Amino acid sequence: MIQRRKFGITVGATLATGALIAVGFAGPAYAGGGKGHGHGGDKSASAQLRKAVTAKGITKHLQALQNIADANDGNRAAGTSGHAASVDYFEKQLKKAGYVTSRQAFSYDKSVVDTAVLDLVAPTTETFTYGVDFVEASNASEGDVTGLIEAVDINLTGDRASTSGCEAEDFANFTENNIALVQRGTCDFRVKADNALAAGAVGVIIFNQGNASETEDRSALFAGALGETIFSLPVATTTFALGETLATTEGAEVRLAFDAHIETVNTFNLLADTKKGDPNKLLVVGGHLDSVPEGPGINDNGSGTASILETAIQMSKKHIVPKNKIRFAFWSGEEDGLLGSNHYVAQLTPEQIAQHAANLNFDMTGSPNAVRFVYDGDGDAFGTEGPEGSDAIEAVFNDYFASQNLATEPTAFDGRSDYFAFIENGIPAGGLFSGAEGIKSEAQAEIFGGTAGEAYDPCYHAECDDINNINQEVLGQMADAIAHATAVYADAKVIKGHGKGWGKGHHGKGHYGKGYGKGHGHDKFGYKGYDKGR
């Protein structure tokens, strides 16, 4: 999938590490599956909650977020008045529903781009767009250089397998003061950049590989990381299409320029806890409440957070009481590098992390050209499994959708969203995703409907991600799954029934395994929201 979603450069974000243990759950996988007697029907917490949580109710919250963005410079980005107003709205709703709320303040330094230029200056002129065609690689230097493009050991045909720039010998005939054009593949981006520097390049452009890997469409724009130390040249990462254009344009000469300044962002996460439930079996149901500066962020991630909010409200209204404590979490700083959720986990003690039994993450659940993606907790699709128990979370979602005759597709634990810090610290995680900038395939269109060859969300990270950028049908389907999984993992029950009679449902023997103590060192997840390479 990745292109990574984080294009901002951040400084000072840290993750907790160490041998940590997460407490598991025991509870029914499904409840109330049989026919009810009297007027009660299925009286399970899942059924009651799914009936109460509707797309119409969620959309009321989405409209509130749209109104907030409209009144605050068109966005709800972390550290802005729009984000603060979003938190105010959510907190008011949650307090009214009886939850114990708190704000978790944190700050971070953010590199704000003042100048970002990639222009073709010869043999013709063309200006490319930052954030659409190219971005600055993490920890590249500022600078303003102009030079001829020199492609280095690239492969534009067949499977486009590439070792471009991975060996010093690739630059044996490189002309000093040119700009090196290298292709993604095989080795870390820093290796490619170091080899280019040693050969006398004045700048580096790394373009996407142009293949379809097991985990992503490697044609789109992506944000690359050059490691933890500053590299001494300006470096851009681009789409495959732009790289191919530069490589095949005879005599291509470009200007590459970046300039930025550091701003401190002061912001906060919003947490809302149930009053009841075992605190030693804590379920964190979360999503990020901040948008990108470019737009109101109604699908990304108003859709996920509004669905969580409505689930919390309806749990209270329907008197659904959890056996395991629930913490509804609304993260900030996600768009700048998962910083709110990273901060949350980093400040926990090992004993507190041991109390965290699972994290359910919902980041984009109403994409217009959607696929119902479920995180690949067992790793059977992409080879990267979550901590023990993540497989059971995946199964809960897949089994639920199957019971509704709705297809799903796995998506990788690729580090793109707020589950990242949880799985890095041994806490089982899972969740849903309806698609971002990736392109829907013909096969996906046959299964899920929509339009092949177009992005899952054409307004991803754009001004048009507004109230009209929501697939209401998919929003409702995903919300039902959110409600179901929340009820299951909270081991919830209805203490005040509606109607007469009772459900005779069949209960599966759920096993929700214990998380284990070894953090996973998945370096391919990237650094501070970026790919390191390959």
Protein backbone atom coordinates (compact mmCIF):
# COMPACT_ATOMS: atom_id res chain seq x y z
CA MET A 1 0.00 0.00 0.00
CA ILE A 2 2.64 2.43 1.03
CA GLN A 3 3.20 5.45 -0.11
CA ARG A 4 3.36 6.49 3.48
CA ARG A 5 0.79 8.91 4.59
CA LYS A 6 3.14 11.14 6.54
CA PHE A 7 4.82 13.84 4.53
CA GLY A 8 5.81 16.17 7.42
CA ILE A 9 9.24 15.84 8.95
CA THR A 10 9.18 15.55 12.72
CA VAL A 11 11.83 15.88 15.36
CA GLY A 12 12.01 14.34 18.80
CA ALA A 13 9.35 11.61 18.61
CA THR A 14 10.22 8.56 20.69
CA LEU A 15 8.83 5.07 21.16
CA ALA A 16 8.85 2.94 24.26
CA THR A 17 10.74 -0.31 23.95
CA GLY A 18 11.51 -3.28 26.12
CA ALA A 19 10.15 -6.62 27.20
CA LEU A 20 6.49 -6.01 27.85
CA ILE A 21 3.49 -8.21 28.44
CA ALA A 22 -0.11 -7.54 27.44
CA VAL A 23 -3.05 -9.07 29.29
CA GLY A 24 -5.38 -11.11 27.08
CA PHE A 25 -9.15 -11.38 26.97
CA ALA A 26 -11.51 -14.23 27.42
CA GLY A 27 -14.98 -13.83 26.02
CA PRO A 28 -17.47 -14.88 23.38
CA ALA A 29 -16.59 -14.41 19.76
CA TYR A 30 -20.24 -13.98 18.89
CA ALA A 31 -23.39 -13.72 20.92
CA GLY A 32 -27.09 -13.92 20.25
CA GLY A 33 -26.83 -15.61 16.88
CA GLY A 34 -30.02 -17.62 17.16
CA LYS A 35 -33.66 -16.71 16.93
CA GLY A 36 -35.15 -14.76 19.79
CA HIS A 37 -38.33 -15.49 21.67
CA GLY A 38 -41.04 -12.96 22.33
CA HIS A 39 -40.28 -9.48 21.03
CA GLY A 40 -36.68 -9.35 22.12
CA GLY A 41 -34.86 -10.93 19.16
CA ASP A 42 -31.08 -10.98 19.46
CA LYS A 43 -30.36 -9.36 22.81
CA SER A 44 -26.57 -9.56 22.61
CA ALA A 45 -24.53 -6.43 23.20
CA SER A 46 -23.19 -6.68 19.66
CA ALA A 47 -26.65 -6.78 18.12
CA GLN A 48 -27.98 -3.97 20.27
CA LEU A 49 -24.98 -1.78 19.57
CA ARG A 50 -24.94 -2.46 15.83
CA LYS A 51 -28.60 -1.53 15.60
CA ALA A 52 -28.00 1.73 17.46
CA VAL A 53 -24.85 2.85 15.62
CA THR A 54 -25.93 4.15 12.22
CA ALA A 55 -24.37 6.04 9.34
CA LYS A 56 -26.96 8.77 9.94
CA GLY A 57 -25.81 9.22 13.53
CA ILE A 58 -22.15 9.21 12.52
CA THR A 59 -22.79 11.76 9.80
CA LYS A 60 -24.10 14.23 12.37
CA HIS A 61 -20.63 14.19 13.93
CA LEU A 62 -19.01 14.47 10.51
CA GLN A 63 -21.08 17.54 9.78
CA ALA A 64 -19.96 19.02 13.08
CA LEU A 65 -16.33 18.42 12.08
CA GLN A 66 -16.98 20.02 8.69
CA ASN A 67 -18.48 23.06 10.40
CA ILE A 68 -15.45 23.27 12.67
CA ALA A 69 -13.06 23.15 9.72
CA ASP A 70 -15.08 25.77 7.86
CA ALA A 71 -14.74 28.10 10.85
CA ASN A 72 -11.00 27.43 11.30
CA ASP A 73 -9.10 28.01 8.07
CA GLY A 74 -10.49 24.89 6.40
CA ASN A 75 -8.66 22.27 8.47
CA ARG A 76 -8.34 20.54 11.84
CA ALA A 77 -4.57 19.98 11.91
CA ALA A 78 -2.74 19.29 15.16
CA GLY A 79 -1.89 22.44 17.09
CA THR A 80 -4.55 24.53 15.36
CA SER A 81 -7.82 26.02 16.55
CA GLY A 82 -9.63 23.54 14.31
CA HIS A 83 -8.17 20.57 16.16
CA ALA A 84 -8.86 22.16 19.55
CA ALA A 85 -12.49 22.76 18.55
CA SER A 86 -12.77 19.15 17.37
CA VAL A 87 -11.57 17.94 20.77
CA ASP A 88 -14.02 20.31 22.49
CA TYR A 89 -16.90 18.84 20.51
CA PHE A 90 -15.91 15.23 21.11
CA GLU A 91 -15.23 15.78 24.79
CA LYS A 92 -18.61 17.44 25.31
CA GLN A 93 -20.37 14.49 23.68
CA LEU A 94 -18.41 11.94 25.71
CA LYS A 95 -18.94 13.72 29.05
CA LYS A 96 -22.65 13.94 28.33
CA ALA A 97 -22.64 10.18 27.73
CA GLY A 98 -21.04 9.59 31.14
CA TYR A 99 -17.42 8.89 30.28
CA VAL A 100 -14.44 10.01 32.33
CA THR A 101 -12.43 12.21 29.97
CA SER A 102 -8.91 13.57 30.09
CA ARG A 103 -6.58 15.45 27.80
CA GLN A 104 -3.02 14.24 27.40
CA ALA A 105 -0.85 17.19 26.41
CA PHE A 106 2.37 16.80 24.45
CA SER A 107 4.49 18.84 22.07
CA TYR A 108 6.85 18.19 19.21
CA ASP A 109 8.95 20.02 16.68
CA LYS A 110 7.77 19.97 13.11
CA SER A 111 9.68 20.92 9.99
CA VAL A 112 7.48 23.24 7.95
CA VAL A 113 8.39 23.44 4.28
CA ASP A 114 8.80 27.00 3.04
CA THR A 115 10.26 26.15 -0.36
CA ALA A 116 9.83 22.89 -2.24
CA VAL A 117 10.74 22.95 -5.91
CA LEU A 118 11.21 20.25 -8.50
CA ASP A 119 11.11 21.87 -11.94
CA LEU A 120 12.12 20.63 -15.34
CA VAL A 121 14.16 23.51 -16.81
CA ALA A 122 15.40 21.87 -20.04
CA PRO A 123 14.83 20.83 -22.80
CA THR A 124 11.33 22.13 -21.97
CA THR A 125 9.96 23.61 -18.78
CA GLU A 126 7.50 22.00 -16.39
CA THR A 127 6.68 22.55 -12.73
CA PHE A 128 5.89 19.56 -10.54
CA THR A 129 3.67 19.73 -7.45
CA TYR A 130 4.91 19.12 -3.92
CA GLY A 131 2.82 16.50 -2.13
CA VAL A 132 1.43 15.20 -5.43
CA ASP A 133 4.46 14.49 -7.62
CA PHE A 134 7.29 14.69 -5.09
CA VAL A 135 8.21 15.27 -1.43
CA GLU A 136 11.43 15.85 0.44
CA ALA A 137 13.04 12.78 1.93
CA SER A 138 13.30 12.74 5.70
CA ASN A 139 16.63 14.12 6.97
CA ALA A 140 17.70 15.43 3.58
CA SER A 141 19.50 18.76 3.59
CA GLU A 142 18.09 22.06 2.53
CA GLY A 143 19.57 23.38 -0.69
CA ASP A 144 18.96 24.76 -4.15
CA VAL A 145 20.69 22.91 -7.00
CA THR A 146 20.30 22.66 -10.76
CA GLY A 147 21.78 19.86 -12.81
CA LEU A 148 21.37 17.33 -15.58
CA ILE A 149 19.48 14.18 -14.69
CA GLU A 150 21.60 11.04 -14.82
CA ALA A 151 19.76 7.76 -14.41
CA VAL A 152 21.66 5.11 -12.46
CA ASP A 153 21.08 1.41 -13.23
CA ILE A 154 17.28 1.74 -13.49
CA ASN A 155 14.79 -0.76 -14.92
CA LEU A 156 11.61 0.54 -16.54
CA THR A 157 10.44 -2.74 -18.12
CA GLY A 158 9.11 -6.13 -17.13
CA ASP A 159 8.88 -6.66 -13.39
CA ARG A 160 10.98 -3.49 -12.90
CA ALA A 161 13.19 -5.33 -10.43
CA SER A 162 15.83 -2.86 -9.36
CA THR A 163 19.10 -2.64 -7.46
CA SER A 164 19.55 0.94 -8.68
CA GLY A 165 22.21 2.79 -6.71
CA CYS A 166 22.83 0.00 -4.23
CA GLU A 167 26.45 -0.56 -5.27
CA ALA A 168 29.22 1.99 -5.65
CA GLU A 169 29.94 0.39 -9.03
CA ASP A 170 26.55 1.63 -10.26
CA PHE A 171 28.10 5.12 -10.30
CA ALA A 172 31.37 4.13 -12.02
CA ASN A 173 30.72 6.43 -15.00
CA PHE A 174 28.66 9.07 -13.18
CA THR A 175 29.30 12.69 -14.15
CA GLU A 176 30.06 15.00 -11.26
CA ASN A 177 27.59 17.81 -10.53
CA ASN A 178 24.70 15.92 -12.11
CA ILE A 179 21.54 14.98 -10.18
CA ALA A 180 21.34 11.23 -9.63
CA LEU A 181 18.06 9.57 -10.57
CA VAL A 182 17.78 6.23 -8.75
CA GLN A 183 14.93 3.75 -8.56
CA ARG A 184 13.44 2.30 -5.39
CA GLY A 185 14.33 -1.31 -4.68
CA THR A 186 16.57 -3.76 -2.77
CA CYS A 187 18.57 -1.50 -0.44
CA ASP A 188 17.95 1.39 1.96
CA PHE A 189 17.51 4.85 0.52
CA ARG A 190 20.48 6.11 2.54
CA VAL A 191 22.74 3.59 0.78
CA LYS A 192 21.64 4.92 -2.62
CA ALA A 193 22.10 8.51 -1.49
CA ASP A 194 25.54 7.88 0.06
CA ASN A 195 26.73 6.24 -3.15
CA ALA A 196 25.44 9.20 -5.19
CA LEU A 197 27.21 11.66 -2.89
CA ALA A 198 30.49 9.75 -3.19
CA ALA A 199 30.18 9.90 -6.98
CA GLY A 200 29.86 13.69 -6.96
CA ALA A 201 26.10 14.15 -7.36
CA VAL A 202 24.69 17.51 -6.23
CA GLY A 203 21.22 16.10 -5.54
CA VAL A 204 19.30 12.84 -5.59
CA ILE A 205 15.84 11.89 -6.85
CA ILE A 206 14.50 8.49 -5.78
CA PHE A 207 11.46 7.39 -7.77
CA ASN A 208 9.08 4.59 -6.87
CA GLN A 209 9.83 1.18 -8.31
CA GLY A 210 6.73 0.84 -10.48
CA ASN A 211 5.86 -2.71 -9.51
CA ALA A 212 3.07 -4.20 -7.44
CA SER A 213 4.64 -5.78 -4.36
CA GLU A 214 2.94 -8.07 -1.89
CA THR A 215 2.14 -5.16 0.41
CA GLU A 216 1.58 -2.13 -1.79
CA ASP A 217 1.27 -0.42 -5.13
CA ARG A 218 4.81 0.85 -5.60
CA SER A 219 3.89 3.40 -8.26
CA ALA A 220 2.41 6.17 -6.12
CA LEU A 221 4.17 8.97 -4.30
CA PHE A 222 5.94 7.82 -1.15
CA ALA A 223 7.92 9.51 1.61
CA GLY A 224 11.37 8.08 2.14
CA ALA A 225 13.68 8.23 5.16
CA LEU A 226 17.44 8.69 5.01
CA GLY A 227 18.08 7.36 8.50
CA GLU A 228 18.53 9.17 11.78
CA THR A 229 21.27 11.62 10.76
CA ILE A 230 21.09 14.54 8.35
CA PHE A 231 22.21 13.75 4.82
CA SER A 232 24.29 16.45 3.13
CA LEU A 233 22.36 16.83 -0.16
CA PRO A 234 18.78 17.71 -1.11
CA VAL A 235 16.87 14.51 -1.86
CA ALA A 236 13.36 14.11 -3.30
CA THR A 237 11.17 11.03 -3.58
CA THR A 238 8.72 10.84 -6.47
CA THR A 239 6.13 8.74 -8.22
CA PHE A 240 7.19 6.11 -10.72
CA ALA A 241 5.53 8.12 -13.49
CA LEU A 242 7.65 11.20 -12.79
CA GLY A 243 10.82 9.15 -12.51
CA GLU A 244 10.08 7.49 -15.83
CA THR A 245 9.48 10.89 -17.43
CA LEU A 246 12.79 12.26 -16.19
CA ALA A 247 14.64 9.12 -17.22
CA THR A 248 13.28 9.12 -20.78
CA THR A 249 13.53 12.86 -21.47
CA GLU A 250 16.75 13.38 -23.40
CA GLY A 251 18.87 16.15 -21.89
CA ALA A 252 16.55 16.56 -18.88
CA GLU A 253 17.80 19.26 -16.53
CA VAL A 254 16.02 20.03 -13.27
CA ARG A 255 16.07 22.45 -10.39
CA LEU A 256 15.73 20.79 -6.98
CA ALA A 257 15.28 23.10 -3.97
CA PHE A 258 14.12 22.70 -0.38
CA ASP A 259 13.97 25.16 2.49
CA ALA A 260 12.13 24.73 5.80
CA HIS A 261 11.87 26.02 9.35
CA ILE A 262 11.07 24.31 12.64
CA GLU A 263 7.87 25.02 14.55
CA THR A 264 6.87 23.64 17.93
CA VAL A 265 3.40 22.12 17.93
CA ASN A 266 1.52 22.05 21.24
CA THR A 267 -1.41 19.69 21.17
CA PHE A 268 -3.17 16.89 23.07
CA ASN A 269 -4.82 13.50 22.84
CA LEU A 270 -8.37 13.05 24.11
CA LEU A 271 -9.05 9.95 26.22
CA ALA A 272 -12.44 8.76 27.46
CA ASP A 273 -12.76 5.82 29.87
CA THR A 274 -15.72 3.72 30.84
CA LYS A 275 -16.49 3.89 34.55
CA LYS A 276 -16.86 0.13 34.73
CA GLY A 277 -14.68 -2.71 33.53
CA ASP A 278 -11.52 -4.47 34.62
CA PRO A 279 -8.62 -1.97 34.34
CA ASN A 280 -6.20 -4.87 34.05
CA LYS A 281 -7.83 -5.83 30.74
CA LEU A 282 -7.90 -2.46 29.03
CA LEU A 283 -9.21 -2.18 25.48
CA VAL A 284 -8.07 0.93 23.60
CA VAL A 285 -10.39 1.83 20.72
CA GLY A 286 -8.71 4.64 18.83
CA GLY A 287 -8.28 6.78 15.75
CA HIS A 288 -6.67 10.12 14.96
CA LEU A 289 -8.69 13.31 15.24
CA ASP A 290 -6.28 15.62 13.43
CA SER A 291 -6.45 16.39 9.72
CA VAL A 292 -3.76 17.49 7.30
CA PRO A 293 -3.45 21.27 6.84
CA GLU A 294 -4.74 20.98 3.28
CA GLY A 295 -8.33 20.11 4.15
CA PRO A 296 -11.04 19.30 6.70
CA GLY A 297 -10.19 15.58 6.89
CA ILE A 298 -13.74 14.25 6.91
CA ASN A 299 -12.82 10.80 5.63
CA ASP A 300 -9.24 10.99 6.97
CA ASN A 301 -10.00 10.61 9.74
CA GLY A 302 -13.35 12.06 10.66
CA SER A 303 -14.93 8.82 9.48
CA GLY A 304 -13.03 6.63 11.93
CA THR A 305 -13.23 8.94 14.93
CA ALA A 306 -16.89 9.82 14.40
CA SER A 307 -17.69 6.10 14.22
CA ILE A 308 -15.84 5.53 17.49
CA LEU A 309 -17.62 8.48 19.11
CA GLU A 310 -21.05 7.24 18.05
CA THR A 311 -20.19 3.73 19.30
CA ALA A 312 -19.28 5.19 22.70
CA ILE A 313 -22.45 7.28 22.86
CA GLN A 314 -24.72 4.39 21.94
CA MET A 315 -23.02 2.04 24.40
CA SER A 316 -24.05 4.46 27.12
CA LYS A 317 -27.57 5.02 25.80
CA LYS A 318 -28.22 1.29 25.46
CA HIS A 319 -26.82 0.54 28.92
CA ILE A 320 -24.15 -1.75 27.51
CA VAL A 321 -21.63 -2.39 30.27
CA PRO A 322 -18.14 -3.76 29.56
CA LYS A 323 -16.49 -6.44 31.64
CA ASN A 324 -13.13 -5.16 30.38
CA LYS A 325 -12.46 -1.45 30.70
CA ILE A 326 -12.63 0.55 27.45
CA ARG A 327 -10.57 3.61 26.67
CA PHE A 328 -11.80 5.52 23.63
CA ALA A 329 -8.76 7.39 22.32
CA PHE A 330 -8.66 10.26 19.85
CA TRP A 331 -5.07 10.87 18.84
CA SER A 332 -3.40 14.07 17.71
CA GLY A 333 -0.23 14.50 15.65
CA GLU A 334 -0.91 11.43 13.53
CA GLU A 335 -0.47 13.28 10.27
CA ASP A 336 2.96 14.48 11.42
CA GLY A 337 4.22 10.99 12.21
CA LEU A 338 1.91 9.04 14.58
CA LEU A 339 3.07 11.29 17.39
CA GLY A 340 0.02 11.26 19.66
CA SER A 341 -0.26 7.49 19.87
CA ASN A 342 3.53 7.18 20.13
CA HIS A 343 3.49 9.59 23.06
CA TYR A 344 0.66 7.70 24.73
CA VAL A 345 2.53 4.38 24.65
CA ALA A 346 5.96 5.88 25.37
CA GLN A 347 4.86 7.36 28.70
CA LEU A 348 3.36 4.09 29.97
CA THR A 349 5.25 2.02 32.52
CA PRO A 350 5.81 -1.68 31.83
CA GLU A 351 3.10 -2.44 34.38
CA GLN A 352 0.66 -0.14 32.60
CA ILE A 353 1.46 -1.64 29.24
CA ALA A 354 0.78 -5.05 30.75
CA GLN A 355 -2.74 -3.82 31.48
CA HIS A 356 -3.36 -3.06 27.80
CA ALA A 357 -5.00 -6.11 26.31
CA ALA A 358 -5.66 -4.86 22.78
CA ASN A 359 -5.84 -1.87 20.48
CA LEU A 360 -8.52 -1.48 17.82
CA ASN A 361 -7.56 1.18 15.27
CA PHE A 362 -9.93 2.82 12.79
CA ASP A 363 -8.33 5.19 10.30
CA MET A 364 -10.52 6.00 7.24
CA THR A 365 -13.74 4.00 7.11
CA GLY A 366 -15.81 5.83 4.51
CA SER A 367 -13.68 6.07 1.37
CA PRO A 368 -15.71 6.84 -1.76
CA ASN A 369 -14.16 4.03 -3.83
CA ALA A 370 -13.69 1.75 -0.86
CA VAL A 371 -12.39 -1.71 -0.15
CA ARG A 372 -13.19 -3.27 3.23
CA PHE A 373 -9.60 -3.80 4.38
CA VAL A 374 -8.86 -5.72 7.60
CA TYR A 375 -5.38 -5.59 9.15
CA ASP A 376 -3.47 -8.82 8.56
CA GLY A 377 -2.96 -9.77 12.18
CA ASP A 378 -1.75 -13.31 11.53
CA GLY A 379 0.62 -12.28 8.76
CA ASP A 380 -0.57 -14.96 6.36
CA ALA A 381 -1.12 -12.46 3.55
CA PHE A 382 1.92 -10.20 3.91
CA GLY A 383 4.32 -12.02 6.21
CA THR A 384 4.25 -9.44 9.00
CA GLU A 385 2.16 -10.64 11.92
CA GLY A 386 1.14 -8.60 14.92
CA PRO A 387 1.78 -9.59 18.53
CA GLU A 388 0.05 -12.76 19.66
CA GLY A 389 -3.69 -12.12 19.76
CA SER A 390 -3.69 -9.91 16.65
CA ASP A 391 -4.70 -12.95 14.63
CA ALA A 392 -7.83 -13.33 16.75
CA ILE A 393 -8.74 -9.66 16.22
CA GLU A 394 -8.43 -10.14 12.47
CA ALA A 395 -10.65 -13.21 12.70
CA VAL A 396 -13.34 -11.33 14.64
CA PHE A 397 -13.61 -8.77 11.84
CA ASN A 398 -13.44 -11.29 9.01
CA ASP A 399 -15.96 -13.63 10.61
CA TYR A 400 -18.34 -10.75 11.28
CA PHE A 401 -18.22 -9.50 7.69
CA ALA A 402 -18.62 -13.07 6.43
CA SER A 403 -21.75 -13.40 8.56
CA GLN A 404 -23.12 -10.38 6.69
CA ASN A 405 -22.07 -11.78 3.28
CA LEU A 406 -19.59 -8.92 2.85
CA ALA A 407 -16.16 -9.55 1.37
CA THR A 408 -12.95 -8.30 2.97
CA GLU A 409 -9.33 -8.02 1.91
CA PRO A 410 -6.25 -8.04 4.16
CA THR A 411 -4.04 -4.99 4.52
CA ALA A 412 -0.55 -5.09 5.97
CA PHE A 413 0.71 -3.91 9.32
CA ASP A 414 2.91 -1.43 7.47
CA GLY A 415 3.27 1.21 10.18
CA ARG A 416 1.00 3.76 8.54
CA SER A 417 -1.38 4.33 11.42
CA ASP A 418 -1.70 4.58 15.17
CA TYR A 419 -1.57 0.86 15.96
CA PHE A 420 2.19 1.09 15.33
CA ALA A 421 3.37 1.94 18.85
CA PHE A 422 1.06 -0.69 20.31
CA ILE A 423 2.36 -3.58 18.20
CA GLU A 424 5.94 -2.40 18.73
CA ASN A 425 5.36 -2.92 22.46
CA GLY A 426 3.75 -6.34 22.27
CA ILE A 427 0.12 -5.21 22.48
CA PRO A 428 -2.24 -7.08 20.12
CA ALA A 429 -3.87 -4.81 17.57
CA GLY A 430 -6.17 -4.80 14.58
CA GLY A 431 -8.68 -2.69 12.82
CA LEU A 432 -10.25 -1.51 9.60
CA PHE A 433 -9.25 0.71 6.69
CA SER A 434 -11.25 1.62 3.57
CA GLY A 435 -8.36 2.82 1.39
CA ALA A 436 -6.40 6.00 0.73
CA GLU A 437 -4.33 6.95 -2.31
CA GLY A 438 -3.93 3.39 -3.62
CA ILE A 439 -5.54 2.47 -6.92
CA LYS A 440 -8.46 0.03 -7.04
CA SER A 441 -7.75 -3.00 -9.21
CA GLU A 442 -10.12 -4.67 -11.65
CA ALA A 443 -10.41 -7.63 -9.28
CA GLN A 444 -11.27 -5.36 -6.36
CA ALA A 445 -13.90 -3.53 -8.40
CA GLU A 446 -15.54 -6.85 -9.25
CA ILE A 447 -15.71 -7.80 -5.59
CA PHE A 448 -16.33 -4.48 -3.84
CA GLY A 449 -17.89 -2.38 -6.58
CA GLY A 450 -16.62 1.07 -7.43
CA THR A 451 -14.27 2.07 -10.21
CA ALA A 452 -11.10 0.25 -11.18
CA GLY A 453 -8.12 2.42 -12.02
CA GLU A 454 -9.10 5.17 -9.58
CA ALA A 455 -7.93 5.89 -6.05
CA TYR A 456 -9.86 4.47 -3.12
CA ASP A 457 -10.12 8.07 -1.94
CA PRO A 458 -9.50 10.58 -4.76
CA CYS A 459 -9.59 13.41 -2.18
CA TYR A 460 -7.01 11.85 0.11
CA HIS A 461 -5.02 14.58 1.90
CA ALA A 462 -6.74 17.23 -0.19
CA GLU A 463 -9.10 20.15 0.26
CA CYS A 464 -11.97 18.12 -1.20
CA ASP A 465 -11.90 15.61 1.70
CA ASP A 466 -15.12 17.19 2.93
CA ILE A 467 -18.59 16.08 3.97
CA ASN A 468 -19.33 14.98 0.39
CA ASN A 469 -16.33 12.64 0.36
CA ILE A 470 -18.02 9.82 2.27
CA ASN A 471 -19.44 6.53 1.02
CA GLN A 472 -22.46 6.24 3.31
CA GLU A 473 -23.06 2.55 2.62
CA VAL A 474 -19.49 1.57 3.43
CA LEU A 475 -19.46 3.90 6.44
CA GLY A 476 -22.46 2.01 7.85
CA GLN A 477 -20.93 -1.40 7.15
CA MET A 478 -17.65 -0.50 8.79
CA ALA A 479 -19.43 1.10 11.75
CA ASP A 480 -21.34 -2.13 12.38
CA ALA A 481 -18.04 -4.02 12.45
CA ILE A 482 -16.56 -1.42 14.80
CA ALA A 483 -19.53 -1.77 17.13
CA HIS A 484 -19.35 -5.55 16.98
CA ALA A 485 -15.63 -5.82 17.72
CA THR A 486 -15.87 -3.26 20.52
CA ALA A 487 -18.68 -5.23 22.17
CA VAL A 488 -16.82 -8.53 21.74
CA TYR A 489 -13.48 -7.35 23.08
CA ALA A 490 -15.07 -5.43 25.91
CA ASP A 491 -16.93 -8.64 26.79
CA ALA A 492 -19.96 -6.37 27.09
CA LYS A 493 -23.49 -7.13 28.16
CA VAL A 494 -26.77 -5.25 28.10
CA ILE A 495 -27.97 -4.54 31.65
CA LYS A 496 -31.20 -2.86 30.65
CA GLY A 497 -33.06 -4.73 27.94
CA HIS A 498 -35.54 -3.43 25.43
CA GLY A 499 -38.67 -5.37 24.62
CA LYS A 500 -39.81 -8.66 26.07
CA GLY A 501 -38.14 -11.94 25.47
CA TRP A 502 -34.60 -13.04 25.05
CA GLY A 503 -32.11 -14.19 22.46
CA LYS A 504 -31.23 -17.83 22.17
CA GLY A 505 -27.97 -17.09 20.40
CA HIS A 506 -25.08 -19.42 19.97
CA HIS A 507 -21.77 -18.43 21.48
CA GLY A 508 -18.47 -19.23 19.90
CA LYS A 509 -15.53 -20.11 22.08
CA GLY A 510 -13.41 -17.07 21.47
CA HIS A 511 -9.78 -17.07 22.45
CA TYR A 512 -8.04 -13.79 22.46
CA GLY A 513 -4.46 -14.60 23.14
CA LYS A 514 -2.06 -12.83 25.39
CA GLY A 515 0.37 -10.36 23.92
CA TYR A 516 3.96 -11.24 24.45
CA GLY A 517 6.92 -9.42 25.73
CA LYS A 518 9.18 -8.97 22.74
CA GLY A 519 8.81 -5.77 20.75
CA HIS A 520 9.07 -6.37 17.02
CA GLY A 521 11.95 -4.59 15.33
CA HIS A 522 10.25 -4.16 11.96
CA ASP A 523 12.69 -1.74 10.38
CA LYS A 524 10.68 -1.75 7.17
CA PHE A 525 7.96 0.07 9.08
CA GLY A 526 10.13 3.15 8.65
CA TYR A 527 11.34 5.97 10.85
CA LYS A 528 8.98 8.67 12.10
CA GLY A 529 6.41 8.04 9.42
CA TYR A 530 8.77 7.32 6.55
CA ASP A 531 10.03 4.34 4.58
CA LYS A 532 13.69 3.68 5.11
CA GLY A 533 13.98 1.96 1.78
CA ARG A 534 13.50 -1.18 -0.31
